[in-house]
Amino acid sequence: MRITLRASLAALALLTAAPAFAQPAPAGGWDLSRRESWLQDRIDRGRGDGSLDRREARRVQRQLARIQHDQSSMRGRDGGHLTDVDRTGLDGRLDNLSDHIRWSRRNDEHRPW
């Protein structure tokens, strides 16, 4: 029963928040740099508590650095601004990285690739 209630609440939250995903982050919201900082903290915590081994920590750190580099390049080409397409792509990559970190930290078994 408890799991069903959680799943229902999570689904409701996703349905009501879906229109917000299409909009740029509001001032003080979870903009790209705040998300990147949050992911960096998760990587650091994973390294510190051993839930990310050295290899996985390096891998996710490189992915985050690549996202940041690409964001900087995109801003440079567009006068310091990101297009909606750029922002959506970066958001998706940050989502994937977050999922990868979560998976790595919760599973003792390492991915075979």
Protein backbone atom coordinates (compact mmCIF):
# COMPACT_ATOMS: atom_id res chain seq x y z
CA MET A 1 0.00 0.00 0.00
CA ARG A 2 2.79 2.39 0.93
CA ILE A 3 4.64 1.75 -2.32
CA THR A 4 1.45 2.26 -4.34
CA LEU A 5 0.84 5.59 -2.60
CA ARG A 6 4.41 6.71 -3.32
CA ALA A 7 4.13 5.68 -6.95
CA SER A 8 0.84 7.53 -7.29
CA LEU A 9 2.25 10.67 -5.72
CA ALA A 10 5.33 10.50 -7.94
CA ALA A 11 3.18 10.11 -11.06
CA LEU A 12 0.99 13.02 -10.00
CA ALA A 13 4.05 15.19 -9.40
CA LEU A 14 5.40 14.38 -12.86
CA LEU A 15 2.09 15.11 -14.54
CA THR A 16 1.65 18.45 -12.83
CA ALA A 17 5.28 19.47 -13.36
CA ALA A 18 5.49 18.48 -17.04
CA PRO A 19 4.63 21.95 -18.40
CA ALA A 20 7.41 23.42 -16.26
CA PHE A 21 10.01 21.28 -18.02
CA ALA A 22 9.35 23.10 -21.28
CA GLN A 23 10.03 26.52 -19.76
CA PRO A 24 13.39 28.09 -18.93
CA ALA A 25 14.28 27.87 -15.26
CA PRO A 26 12.86 30.76 -13.24
CA ALA A 27 15.19 33.09 -11.38
CA GLY A 28 16.45 31.29 -8.30
CA GLY A 29 15.27 27.93 -9.70
CA TRP A 30 17.27 24.93 -10.77
CA ASP A 31 19.21 26.45 -13.63
CA LEU A 32 21.99 24.54 -15.35
CA SER A 33 24.80 25.76 -13.10
CA ARG A 34 22.85 24.89 -9.95
CA ARG A 35 22.15 21.39 -11.30
CA GLU A 36 25.83 20.99 -12.20
CA SER A 37 26.86 22.02 -8.67
CA TRP A 38 24.37 19.59 -7.18
CA LEU A 39 25.72 16.76 -9.37
CA GLN A 40 29.29 17.68 -8.40
CA ASP A 41 28.30 17.39 -4.74
CA ARG A 42 26.80 13.95 -5.42
CA ILE A 43 30.00 12.84 -7.14
CA ASP A 44 32.10 14.15 -4.24
CA ARG A 45 29.86 12.42 -1.68
CA GLY A 46 30.02 9.17 -3.64
CA ARG A 47 33.79 9.32 -3.71
CA GLY A 48 33.93 10.20 -0.03
CA ASP A 49 31.62 7.46 1.21
CA GLY A 50 32.91 4.82 -1.22
CA SER A 51 29.60 4.34 -3.04
CA LEU A 52 31.42 5.38 -6.23
CA ASP A 53 34.63 3.55 -6.91
CA ARG A 54 37.56 5.46 -8.37
CA ARG A 55 36.82 4.38 -11.94
CA GLU A 56 33.12 5.33 -11.83
CA ALA A 57 33.92 8.63 -10.09
CA ARG A 58 36.38 9.52 -12.85
CA ARG A 59 33.88 8.53 -15.51
CA VAL A 60 31.03 10.67 -14.17
CA GLN A 61 33.42 13.54 -13.42
CA ARG A 62 34.55 13.50 -17.07
CA GLN A 63 30.94 13.45 -18.25
CA LEU A 64 30.10 16.46 -16.08
CA ALA A 65 33.20 18.32 -17.28
CA ARG A 66 32.24 17.59 -20.90
CA ILE A 67 28.73 18.94 -20.34
CA GLN A 68 30.17 22.10 -18.79
CA HIS A 69 32.64 22.48 -21.65
CA ASP A 70 29.93 22.05 -24.25
CA GLN A 71 27.71 24.56 -22.45
CA SER A 72 30.54 27.09 -22.47
CA SER A 73 31.10 26.50 -26.20
CA MET A 74 27.40 26.93 -26.93
CA ARG A 75 27.32 30.18 -24.99
CA GLY A 76 30.41 31.42 -26.83
CA ARG A 77 28.88 30.80 -30.21
CA ASP A 78 25.59 32.52 -29.32
CA GLY A 79 26.82 35.68 -27.61
CA GLY A 80 26.66 34.31 -24.07
CA HIS A 81 23.17 32.84 -24.39
CA LEU A 82 21.80 29.35 -24.83
CA THR A 83 19.08 28.56 -27.32
CA ASP A 84 16.06 26.57 -26.16
CA VAL A 85 17.39 23.59 -28.12
CA ASP A 86 20.80 23.87 -26.42
CA ARG A 87 19.21 24.15 -22.96
CA THR A 88 16.95 21.16 -23.60
CA GLY A 89 19.89 19.06 -24.79
CA LEU A 90 22.01 20.00 -21.80
CA ASP A 91 19.12 19.29 -19.43
CA GLY A 92 18.74 15.84 -20.95
CA ARG A 93 22.43 15.12 -20.59
CA LEU A 94 22.35 16.24 -16.95
CA ASP A 95 19.33 13.98 -16.37
CA ASN A 96 21.22 11.03 -17.88
CA LEU A 97 24.27 11.80 -15.77
CA SER A 98 22.14 12.00 -12.63
CA ASP A 99 20.60 8.62 -13.45
CA HIS A 100 24.06 7.15 -14.05
CA ILE A 101 25.34 8.46 -10.71
CA ARG A 102 22.27 7.10 -8.91
CA TRP A 103 22.67 3.70 -10.55
CA SER A 104 26.38 3.55 -9.78
CA ARG A 105 25.98 4.58 -6.15
CA ARG A 106 23.18 2.10 -5.43
CA ASN A 107 24.65 -0.96 -7.14
CA ASP A 108 27.73 -2.75 -5.92
CA GLU A 109 27.80 -4.50 -9.25
CA HIS A 110 29.55 -2.45 -11.93
CA ARG A 111 28.25 -2.06 -15.43
CA PRO A 112 29.96 -4.47 -17.83
CA TRP A 113 30.88 -1.70 -20.28
